Each structure stands twice: as C-alpha cells, then as structure tokens.
C-alpha atoms as a PDB file:
ATOM      1  CA  UNK A   1      30.624 193.562  17.788  1.00  0.00           C
ATOM      2  CA  UNK A   2      33.503 195.789  16.898  1.00  0.00           C
ATOM      3  CA  UNK A   3      37.127 194.742  16.478  1.00  0.00           C
ATOM      4  CA  UNK A   4      39.503 195.201  19.523  1.00  0.00           C
ATOM      5  CA  UNK A   5      42.580 197.402  19.167  1.00  0.00           C
ATOM      6  CA  UNK A   6      45.746 195.577  20.207  1.00  0.00           C
ATOM      7  CA  UNK A   7      48.751 197.249  21.945  1.00  0.00           C
ATOM      8  CA  UNK A   8      50.606 197.092  18.647  1.00  0.00           C
ATOM      9  CA  UNK A   9      47.933 199.226  17.079  1.00  0.00           C
ATOM     10  CA  UNK A  10      46.211 196.547  14.949  1.00  0.00           C
ATOM     11  CA  UNK A  11      42.627 195.457  15.084  1.00  0.00           C
ATOM     12  CA  UNK A  12      41.593 191.851  15.703  1.00  0.00           C
ATOM     13  CA  UNK A  13      38.155 190.232  15.922  1.00  0.00           C
ATOM     14  CA  UNK A  14      36.682 190.183  19.317  1.00  0.00           C
ATOM     15  CA  UNK A  15      36.169 186.946  21.247  1.00  0.00           C
ATOM     16  CA  UNK A  16      32.393 187.034  20.667  1.00  0.00           C
ATOM     17  CA  UNK A  17      32.851 187.416  16.922  1.00  0.00           C
ATOM     18  CA  UNK A  18      35.163 184.441  16.850  1.00  0.00           C
ATOM     19  CA  UNK A  19      32.735 182.278  18.848  1.00  0.00           C
ATOM     20  CA  UNK A  20      29.808 183.238  16.552  1.00  0.00           C
ATOM     21  CA  UNK A  21      31.785 182.483  13.431  1.00  0.00           C
ATOM     22  CA  UNK A  22      32.878 179.072  14.664  1.00  0.00           C
ATOM     23  CA  UNK A  23      29.671 178.025  16.462  1.00  0.00           C
ATOM     24  CA  UNK A  24      29.163 175.016  14.179  1.00  0.00           C
ATOM     25  CA  UNK A  25      31.741 172.393  13.629  1.00  0.00           C
ATOM     26  CA  UNK A  26      32.993 171.723  10.103  1.00  0.00           C
ATOM     27  CA  UNK A  27      31.586 168.176  10.305  1.00  0.00           C
ATOM     28  CA  UNK A  28      28.063 169.654  10.430  1.00  0.00           C
ATOM     29  CA  UNK A  29      28.444 171.224   7.033  1.00  0.00           C
ATOM     30  CA  UNK A  30      29.807 168.008   5.563  1.00  0.00           C
ATOM     31  CA  UNK A  31      26.882 165.964   6.928  1.00  0.00           C
ATOM     32  CA  UNK A  32      24.401 168.541   5.722  1.00  0.00           C
ATOM     33  CA  UNK A  33      25.820 168.518   2.207  1.00  0.00           C
ATOM     34  CA  UNK A  34      25.681 164.698   2.124  1.00  0.00           C
ATOM     35  CA  UNK A  35      22.006 164.643   3.149  1.00  0.00           C
ATOM     36  CA  UNK A  36      21.132 167.130   0.431  1.00  0.00           C
ATOM     37  CA  UNK A  37      22.920 165.055  -2.162  1.00  0.00           C
ATOM     38  CA  UNK A  38      21.191 161.871  -0.969  1.00  0.00           C
ATOM     39  CA  UNK A  39      17.746 163.544  -1.146  1.00  0.00           C
ATOM     40  CA  UNK A  40      18.405 164.610  -4.725  1.00  0.00           C
ATOM     41  CA  UNK A  41      19.432 161.048  -5.537  1.00  0.00           C
ATOM     42  CA  UNK A  42      16.191 159.676  -4.119  1.00  0.00           C
ATOM     43  CA  UNK A  43      14.128 162.095  -6.200  1.00  0.00           C
ATOM     44  CA  UNK A  44      15.943 161.142  -9.392  1.00  0.00           C
ATOM     45  CA  UNK A  45      15.535 157.444  -8.634  1.00  0.00           C
ATOM     46  CA  UNK A  46      11.814 157.904  -7.957  1.00  0.00           C
ATOM     47  CA  UNK A  47      11.331 159.716 -11.282  1.00  0.00           C
ATOM     48  CA  UNK A  48      13.135 156.955 -13.150  1.00  0.00           C
ATOM     49  CA  UNK A  49      11.026 154.256 -11.462  1.00  0.00           C
ATOM     50  CA  UNK A  50       7.801 156.121 -12.265  1.00  0.00           C
ATOM     51  CA  UNK A  51       8.893 156.562 -15.876  1.00  0.00           C
ATOM     52  CA  UNK A  52       9.685 152.861 -16.128  1.00  0.00           C
ATOM     53  CA  UNK A  53       6.253 151.928 -14.766  1.00  0.00           C
ATOM     54  CA  UNK A  54       4.529 154.223 -17.263  1.00  0.00           C
ATOM     55  CA  UNK A  55       6.524 152.783 -20.172  1.00  0.00           C
ATOM     56  CA  UNK A  56       5.708 149.251 -19.036  1.00  0.00           C
ATOM     57  CA  UNK A  57       1.980 150.061 -18.845  1.00  0.00           C
ATOM     58  CA  UNK A  58       2.065 151.624 -22.311  1.00  0.00           C
ATOM     59  CA  UNK A  59       3.801 148.557 -23.759  1.00  0.00           C
ATOM     60  CA  UNK A  60       1.273 146.200 -22.149  1.00  0.00           C
ATOM     61  CA  UNK A  61      -1.680 148.280 -23.406  1.00  0.00           C
ATOM     62  CA  UNK A  62      -0.242 148.431 -26.924  1.00  0.00           C
ATOM     63  CA  UNK A  63       0.261 144.669 -26.937  1.00  0.00           C
ATOM     64  CA  UNK A  64      -3.299 144.082 -25.714  1.00  0.00           C
ATOM     65  CA  UNK A  65      -4.730 146.412 -28.370  1.00  0.00           C
ATOM     66  CA  UNK A  66      -2.697 144.645 -31.045  1.00  0.00           C
ATOM     67  CA  UNK A  67      -4.033 141.291 -29.882  1.00  0.00           C
ATOM     68  CA  UNK A  68      -7.608 142.653 -29.893  1.00  0.00           C
ATOM     69  CA  UNK A  69      -7.205 143.924 -33.461  1.00  0.00           C
ATOM     70  CA  UNK A  70      -5.793 140.600 -34.570  1.00  0.00           C
ATOM     71  CA  UNK A  71      -8.681 138.697 -32.987  1.00  0.00           C
ATOM     72  CA  UNK A  72     -11.208 141.096 -34.574  1.00  0.00           C
ATOM     73  CA  UNK A  73      -9.567 140.703 -37.988  1.00  0.00           C
ATOM     74  CA  UNK A  74      -9.553 136.923 -37.753  1.00  0.00           C
ATOM     75  CA  UNK A  75     -13.213 136.948 -36.693  1.00  0.00           C
ATOM     76  CA  UNK A  76     -14.152 139.200 -39.613  1.00  0.00           C
ATOM     77  CA  UNK A  77     -12.268 137.027 -42.102  1.00  0.00           C
ATOM     78  CA  UNK A  78     -13.975 133.925 -40.724  1.00  0.00           C
ATOM     79  CA  UNK A  79     -17.391 135.589 -40.966  1.00  0.00           C
ATOM     80  CA  UNK A  80     -16.753 136.650 -44.574  1.00  0.00           C
ATOM     81  CA  UNK A  81     -15.721 133.137 -45.539  1.00  0.00           C
ATOM     82  CA  UNK A  82     -18.803 131.672 -43.867  1.00  0.00           C
ATOM     83  CA  UNK A  83     -21.056 134.108 -45.727  1.00  0.00           C
ATOM     84  CA  UNK A  84     -19.333 133.354 -49.022  1.00  0.00           C
ATOM     85  CA  UNK A  85     -19.905 129.660 -48.480  1.00  0.00           C
ATOM     86  CA  UNK A  86     -23.556 130.329 -47.616  1.00  0.00           C
ATOM     87  CA  UNK A  87     -23.960 132.474 -50.748  1.00  0.00           C
ATOM     88  CA  UNK A  88     -22.393 129.729 -52.830  1.00  0.00           C
ATOM     89  CA  UNK A  89     -24.878 127.196 -51.487  1.00  0.00           C
ATOM     90  CA  UNK A  90     -27.786 129.569 -52.227  1.00  0.00           C
ATOM     91  CA  UNK A  91     -26.527 130.124 -55.776  1.00  0.00           C
ATOM     92  CA  UNK A  92     -26.199 126.372 -56.291  1.00  0.00           C
ATOM     93  CA  UNK A  93     -29.773 125.914 -55.078  1.00  0.00           C
ATOM     94  CA  UNK A  94     -30.931 128.708 -57.371  1.00  0.00           C
ATOM     95  CA  UNK A  95     -29.295 127.104 -60.396  1.00  0.00           C
ATOM     96  CA  UNK A  96     -30.830 123.754 -59.502  1.00  0.00           C
ATOM     97  CA  UNK A  97     -34.292 125.264 -59.147  1.00  0.00           C
ATOM     98  CA  UNK A  98     -33.956 127.113 -62.436  1.00  0.00           C
ATOM     99  CA  UNK A  99     -33.041 123.874 -64.164  1.00  0.00           C
ATOM    100  CA  UNK A 100     -36.027 122.138 -62.599  1.00  0.00           C
ATOM    101  CA  UNK A 101     -38.378 124.958 -63.613  1.00  0.00           C
ATOM    102  CA  UNK A 102     -37.043 124.885 -67.173  1.00  0.00           C
ATOM    103  CA  UNK A 103     -37.541 121.135 -67.303  1.00  0.00           C
ATOM    104  CA  UNK A 104     -41.088 121.431 -65.962  1.00  0.00           C
ATOM    105  CA  UNK A 105     -41.893 124.164 -68.472  1.00  0.00           C
ATOM    106  CA  UNK A 106     -40.559 122.063 -71.302  1.00  0.00           C
ATOM    107  CA  UNK A 107     -42.578 119.079 -70.091  1.00  0.00           C
ATOM    108  CA  UNK A 108     -45.694 121.224 -69.802  1.00  0.00           C
ATOM    109  CA  UNK A 109     -45.186 122.483 -73.336  1.00  0.00           C
ATOM    110  CA  UNK A 110     -44.877 118.939 -74.620  1.00  0.00           C
ATOM    111  CA  UNK A 111     -48.016 117.805 -72.820  1.00  0.00           C
ATOM    112  CA  UNK A 112     -50.091 120.939 -73.507  1.00  0.00           C
ATOM    113  CA  UNK A 113     -49.821 122.401 -77.018  1.00  0.00           C
ATOM    114  CA  UNK A 114     -51.630 125.530 -75.799  1.00  0.00           C
ATOM    115  CA  UNK A 115     -49.075 126.181 -73.050  1.00  0.00           C
ATOM    116  CA  UNK A 116     -47.225 128.871 -75.032  1.00  0.00           C
ATOM    117  CA  UNK A 117     -50.531 130.541 -75.830  1.00  0.00           C
ATOM    118  CA  UNK A 118     -51.419 130.635 -72.145  1.00  0.00           C
ATOM    119  CA  UNK A 119     -48.005 132.131 -71.363  1.00  0.00           C
ATOM    120  CA  UNK A 120     -48.748 134.985 -73.756  1.00  0.00           C
ATOM    121  CA  UNK A 121     -52.231 135.469 -72.341  1.00  0.00           C
ATOM    122  CA  UNK A 122     -50.859 135.571 -68.810  1.00  0.00           C
ATOM    123  CA  UNK A 123     -48.192 138.093 -69.952  1.00  0.00           C
ATOM    124  CA  UNK A 124     -45.563 135.717 -68.599  1.00  0.00           C
ATOM    125  CA  UNK A 125     -43.263 136.064 -71.631  1.00  0.00           C
ATOM    126  CA  UNK A 126     -42.243 138.934 -73.942  1.00  0.00           C
ATOM    127  CA  UNK A 127     -44.062 139.055 -77.269  1.00  0.00           C
ATOM    128  CA  UNK A 128     -43.637 140.740 -80.633  1.00  0.00           C
ATOM    129  CA  UNK A 129     -45.707 141.080 -83.758  1.00  0.00           C
ATOM    130  CA  UNK A 130     -47.999 143.440 -85.653  1.00  0.00           C
ATOM    131  CA  UNK A 131     -50.702 145.447 -83.959  1.00  0.00           C
ATOM    132  CA  UNK A 132     -51.925 148.970 -83.256  1.00  0.00           C
ATOM    133  CA  UNK A 133     -50.583 151.931 -81.301  1.00  0.00           C
ATOM    134  CA  UNK A 134     -53.064 154.244 -79.616  1.00  0.00           C
ATOM    135  CA  UNK A 135     -52.045 157.632 -78.226  1.00  0.00           C
ATOM    136  CA  UNK A 136     -54.392 159.545 -75.949  1.00  0.00           C
ATOM    137  CA  UNK A 137     -53.858 162.852 -74.178  1.00  0.00           C
ATOM    138  CA  UNK A 138     -55.539 165.372 -71.906  1.00  0.00           C
ATOM    139  CA  UNK A 139     -57.763 168.075 -73.363  1.00  0.00           C
ATOM    140  CA  UNK A 140     -56.366 170.639 -70.921  1.00  0.00           C
ATOM    141  CA  UNK A 141     -55.098 170.923 -67.359  1.00  0.00           C
ATOM    142  CA  UNK A 142     -58.706 170.866 -66.206  1.00  0.00           C
ATOM    143  CA  UNK A 143     -59.892 168.019 -68.450  1.00  0.00           C
ATOM    144  CA  UNK A 144     -57.646 165.018 -68.197  1.00  0.00           C
ATOM    145  CA  UNK A 145     -57.615 161.376 -69.206  1.00  0.00           C
ATOM    146  CA  UNK A 146     -58.801 159.325 -66.225  1.00  0.00           C
ATOM    147  CA  UNK A 147     -57.905 155.843 -65.061  1.00  0.00           C
ATOM    148  CA  UNK A 148     -61.376 154.761 -66.171  1.00  0.00           C
ATOM    149  CA  UNK A 149     -60.681 156.058 -69.691  1.00  0.00           C
ATOM    150  CA  UNK A 150     -57.519 153.947 -69.892  1.00  0.00           C
ATOM    151  CA  UNK A 151     -59.215 150.853 -68.468  1.00  0.00           C
ATOM    152  CA  UNK A 152     -62.004 151.064 -71.056  1.00  0.00           C
ATOM    153  CA  UNK A 153     -59.453 151.586 -73.821  1.00  0.00           C
ATOM    154  CA  UNK A 154     -57.507 148.480 -72.754  1.00  0.00           C
ATOM    155  CA  UNK A 155     -60.685 146.425 -72.389  1.00  0.00           C
ATOM    156  CA  UNK A 156     -61.811 147.567 -75.825  1.00  0.00           C
ATOM    157  CA  UNK A 157     -58.562 146.351 -77.377  1.00  0.00           C
ATOM    158  CA  UNK A 158     -58.905 142.988 -75.619  1.00  0.00           C
ATOM    159  CA  UNK A 159     -62.440 142.755 -76.931  1.00  0.00           C
ATOM    160  CA  UNK A 160     -61.233 143.538 -80.440  1.00  0.00           C
ATOM    161  CA  UNK A 161     -58.899 140.534 -80.370  1.00  0.00           C
ATOM    162  CA  UNK A 162     -55.629 141.799 -78.875  1.00  0.00           C
ATOM    163  CA  UNK A 163     -53.195 139.064 -77.787  1.00  0.00           C
ATOM    164  CA  UNK A 164     -51.087 141.361 -75.599  1.00  0.00           C
ATOM    165  CA  UNK A 165     -51.463 144.955 -74.400  1.00  0.00           C
ATOM    166  CA  UNK A 166     -49.100 147.435 -72.718  1.00  0.00           C
ATOM    167  CA  UNK A 167     -49.580 150.979 -71.405  1.00  0.00           C
ATOM    168  CA  UNK A 168     -46.458 153.164 -71.620  1.00  0.00           C
ATOM    169  CA  UNK A 169     -44.368 150.004 -71.808  1.00  0.00           C
ATOM    170  CA  UNK A 170     -46.049 148.325 -68.822  1.00  0.00           C
ATOM    171  CA  UNK A 171     -47.468 144.950 -69.869  1.00  0.00           C
ATOM    172  CA  UNK A 172     -51.035 144.261 -68.835  1.00  0.00           C
ATOM    173  CA  UNK A 173     -51.411 140.933 -67.023  1.00  0.00           C
ATOM    174  CA  UNK A 174     -54.158 139.121 -65.183  1.00  0.00           C
ATOM    175  CA  UNK A 175     -53.268 140.883 -61.915  1.00  0.00           C
ATOM    176  CA  UNK A 176     -52.519 144.312 -63.384  1.00  0.00           C
ATOM    177  CA  UNK A 177     -54.328 147.288 -61.880  1.00  0.00           C
ATOM    178  CA  UNK A 178     -54.888 150.594 -63.651  1.00  0.00           C
ATOM    179  CA  UNK A 179     -55.999 153.183 -61.141  1.00  0.00           C
ATOM    180  CA  UNK A 180     -55.397 156.691 -59.913  1.00  0.00           C
ATOM    181  CA  UNK A 181     -53.312 157.316 -56.811  1.00  0.00           C
ATOM    182  CA  UNK A 182     -52.247 160.702 -55.511  1.00  0.00           C
ATOM    183  CA  UNK A 183     -53.338 162.506 -58.655  1.00  0.00           C
ATOM    184  CA  UNK A 184     -51.385 160.190 -60.992  1.00  0.00           C
ATOM    185  CA  UNK A 185     -52.428 157.121 -62.949  1.00  0.00           C
ATOM    186  CA  UNK A 186     -50.456 153.965 -62.139  1.00  0.00           C
ATOM    187  CA  UNK A 187     -50.043 150.733 -64.071  1.00  0.00           C
ATOM    188  CA  UNK A 188     -48.572 147.789 -62.164  1.00  0.00           C
ATOM    189  CA  UNK A 189     -48.040 150.332 -59.370  1.00  0.00           C
ATOM    190  CA  UNK A 190     -45.783 152.468 -61.595  1.00  0.00           C
ATOM    191  CA  UNK A 191     -46.833 156.019 -62.470  1.00  0.00           C
ATOM    192  CA  UNK A 192     -47.528 156.845 -66.126  1.00  0.00           C
ATOM    193  CA  UNK A 193     -47.853 160.325 -67.599  1.00  0.00           C
ATOM    194  CA  UNK A 194     -49.678 161.868 -70.561  1.00  0.00           C
ATOM    195  CA  UNK A 195     -49.617 161.540 -73.441  1.00  0.00           C
ATOM    196  CA  UNK A 196     -50.344 157.859 -72.873  1.00  0.00           C
ATOM    197  CA  UNK A 197     -49.258 155.237 -75.420  1.00  0.00           C
ATOM    198  CA  UNK A 198     -51.223 152.000 -75.521  1.00  0.00           C
ATOM    199  CA  UNK A 199     -49.834 149.190 -77.668  1.00  0.00           C
ATOM    200  CA  UNK A 200     -51.750 146.061 -78.637  1.00  0.00           C
ATOM    201  CA  UNK A 201     -50.405 143.049 -80.555  1.00  0.00           C
ATOM    202  CA  UNK A 202     -52.694 141.184 -82.920  1.00  0.00           C
ATOM    203  CA  UNK A 203     -54.154 141.494 -86.395  1.00  0.00           C
ATOM    204  CA  UNK A 204     -53.794 145.230 -86.941  1.00  0.00           C
ATOM    205  CA  UNK A 205     -56.783 145.580 -89.286  1.00  0.00           C
ATOM    206  CA  UNK A 206     -59.063 143.475 -87.080  1.00  0.00           C
ATOM    207  CA  UNK A 207     -57.971 145.406 -83.975  1.00  0.00           C
ATOM    208  CA  UNK A 208     -58.574 148.811 -85.546  1.00  0.00           C
ATOM    209  CA  UNK A 209     -61.957 147.868 -87.007  1.00  0.00           C
ATOM    210  CA  UNK A 210     -63.110 145.894 -83.975  1.00  0.00           C
ATOM    211  CA  UNK A 211     -62.323 148.702 -81.543  1.00  0.00           C
ATOM    212  CA  UNK A 212     -63.727 151.508 -83.691  1.00  0.00           C
ATOM    213  CA  UNK A 213     -66.991 149.687 -84.335  1.00  0.00           C
ATOM    214  CA  UNK A 214     -67.446 148.453 -80.774  1.00  0.00           C
ATOM    215  CA  UNK A 215     -68.936 150.138 -77.693  1.00  0.00           C
ATOM    216  CA  UNK A 216     -65.515 151.210 -76.376  1.00  0.00           C
ATOM    217  CA  UNK A 217     -64.767 153.010 -79.625  1.00  0.00           C
ATOM    218  CA  UNK A 218     -68.112 154.800 -79.276  1.00  0.00           C
ATOM    219  CA  UNK A 219     -67.214 155.766 -75.693  1.00  0.00           C
ATOM    220  CA  UNK A 220     -63.980 157.374 -76.839  1.00  0.00           C
ATOM    221  CA  UNK A 221     -65.708 159.240 -79.691  1.00  0.00           C
ATOM    222  CA  UNK A 222     -68.033 160.778 -77.102  1.00  0.00           C
ATOM    223  CA  UNK A 223     -65.090 161.732 -74.886  1.00  0.00           C
ATOM    224  CA  UNK A 224     -63.448 163.391 -77.859  1.00  0.00           C
ATOM    225  CA  UNK A 225     -66.537 165.313 -78.915  1.00  0.00           C
ATOM    226  CA  UNK A 226     -67.797 166.361 -75.483  1.00  0.00           C
ATOM    227  CA  UNK A 227     -64.642 167.162 -73.496  1.00  0.00           C
ATOM    228  CA  UNK A 228     -61.959 167.304 -76.168  1.00  0.00           C
ATOM    229  CA  UNK A 229     -59.717 164.369 -75.171  1.00  0.00           C
ATOM    230  CA  UNK A 230     -57.147 163.529 -77.850  1.00  0.00           C
ATOM    231  CA  UNK A 231     -57.257 160.077 -79.442  1.00  0.00           C
ATOM    232  CA  UNK A 232     -55.179 158.639 -82.292  1.00  0.00           C
ATOM    233  CA  UNK A 233     -54.838 155.034 -83.478  1.00  0.00           C
ATOM    234  CA  UNK A 234     -52.208 153.817 -85.960  1.00  0.00           C
ATOM    235  CA  UNK A 235     -51.412 150.393 -87.308  1.00  0.00           C
ATOM    236  CA  UNK A 236     -47.923 148.975 -86.730  1.00  0.00           C
ATOM    237  CA  UNK A 237     -46.093 146.193 -88.557  1.00  0.00           C
ATOM    238  CA  UNK A 238     -43.877 145.238 -85.616  1.00  0.00           C
ATOM    239  CA  UNK A 239     -44.289 145.819 -81.888  1.00  0.00           C
ATOM    240  CA  UNK A 240     -42.323 144.417 -78.965  1.00  0.00           C
ATOM    241  CA  UNK A 241     -43.867 144.151 -75.521  1.00  0.00           C
ATOM    242  CA  UNK A 242     -42.074 142.998 -72.354  1.00  0.00           C
ATOM    243  CA  UNK A 243     -43.342 140.393 -69.918  1.00  0.00           C
ATOM    244  CA  UNK A 244     -45.295 141.540 -66.902  1.00  0.00           C
ATOM    245  CA  UNK A 245     -43.177 142.048 -63.734  1.00  0.00           C
ATOM    246  CA  UNK A 246     -42.791 138.839 -61.763  1.00  0.00           C
ATOM    247  CA  UNK A 247     -44.595 140.146 -58.668  1.00  0.00           C
ATOM    248  CA  UNK A 248     -47.614 141.030 -60.812  1.00  0.00           C
ATOM    249  CA  UNK A 249     -47.800 137.537 -62.334  1.00  0.00           C
ATOM    250  CA  UNK A 250     -47.454 135.460 -59.176  1.00  0.00           C
ATOM    251  CA  UNK A 251     -50.726 134.008 -57.884  1.00  0.00           C
ATOM    252  CA  UNK A 252     -50.691 133.583 -54.102  1.00  0.00           C
ATOM    253  CA  UNK A 253     -54.278 132.385 -53.638  1.00  0.00           C
ATOM    254  CA  UNK A 254     -56.512 130.510 -56.063  1.00  0.00           C
ATOM    255  CA  UNK A 255     -59.951 128.937 -55.970  1.00  0.00           C
ATOM    256  CA  UNK A 256     -61.452 126.435 -58.373  1.00  0.00           C
ATOM    257  CA  UNK A 257     -64.237 127.978 -60.436  1.00  0.00           C
ATOM    258  CA  UNK A 258     -67.499 126.187 -59.826  1.00  0.00           C
ATOM    259  CA  UNK A 259     -68.167 125.866 -63.558  1.00  0.00           C
ATOM    260  CA  UNK A 260     -64.909 123.952 -64.014  1.00  0.00           C
ATOM    261  CA  UNK A 261     -66.231 121.048 -61.946  1.00  0.00           C
ATOM    262  CA  UNK A 262     -69.007 120.268 -64.390  1.00  0.00           C
END
C-alpha cells in the first residue's frame, strides 16, 4: 500500500496499512512474552533436577563402594589373623615334635651304644675325619666317565673300609642312586659334572691300599690303560661330609629280612 496524499499536501498511512499494523492487540505480545519466559524457567528447573539426581546417585555409589572396600579390608585382616594363629599352632607342634624326636634319639643312644655308628652308616648325620680324595675325569669328549664307573668306585671304597662317602659333595646313603639321566650323571637326583671328586672318610692308608689291591682298583687300572680315563687318589688328614638329604634317608616301606627271624 502507498501513503495517501492529504489536502494539505502531506502523506499519511492508508487505512489498510493502519489495520495491518495494528491487527494484533498489545495484550497478545505480553502473553506471548510471558509464555516464553515460563518455558525457559521450566527448562532450567528440569536441568537442575536432573543434575541433583545425578549428584545423589554418585554420592550413593561412592558410599556403597566405600562400604565394600571397608568390608573387604576387614575380611582380609581377619583372614590374615586366622592364618597367623594357624601358623603359630603349627610352629608350636613342630617345636614339640622336635623335642620329642630329640628325646627319643637320646634315649636310643643310651639304650644302643652303636646308635651313633648306625647314624653315620645311614648318612643321617654329618661326619668329619681323615680319608682319601679320588678325582676322576673323562678321557675326551667321546670317552667319558660313566655312571657305572662311579658306582664301582664308590663300592670299592666301601669295600676298602670307608665309613662315609660323597660324590661332588653329595653324601651317599642307603637310598642314594647314581645313574645317568639325559646325558648327565646324577647323585641323589642332582647332576654332577666332570672332573668328579669322590671323598671317603676312614683310615686313609687302609682305604688307599684296600682299594688299589682290590678288584675295583684293578677295574679302574684297566679303564685308565684301555680308554684313557683319568684317575688320581690322595690321602687327606681332614675331610668334612654333609648328611644325606632328608628325602633320600626316609624309608617309606620296609620288610623284615628272613634271616633276622632266626
């Protein structure tokens, strides 16, 4: 619409322009603005409520986790104390049994004068004294000392009067095995390596003479001459040999020898 020229020469808005500009009452705009403000208020309130719920959930979860950790800690402490008490009882029992064993050993020694001798023979106790030291070694990588060679050497020393024997520090007991396993010789299930040192406690002169003059000495002379194995025996004024490991001295099954009944 264009403005209308008045008789005075001025221009005024036409009737249609005035109606279009004032089609809506001023109250409409006030109501509209109020609704918009109220909607923004609802959104803000909803956000605050949601935030409060999330904070509450986080606080509850944190409290629950704290309680769980406290319960777990108390349970662990209780378990540790129970195990300590159990260990204490086991240690008390162990001390009692040791005292009983010591008393029985003392009583056995009083009743049997040969008890200490049998302990040495069974390799149950460490021993020291004079004796001989034998060192044997391979001839070459192709010609080596065998488990049979060592067994015959040990048996020869026993036969010559040895009271105790050890191979590379491993005491020979009644249940000791000297054998080859996986290309290595083992004594009491522990590997030994050349050169091998065999120690025997006893009268050093009698041991040296008895072994050299016996069949086992002859066997080793043949091994030296024919395949070149190295053999050396020396007397010693003082040797110390350990006891045999406990698992190699414990008898689990025994049977009375028929000759003992007669």
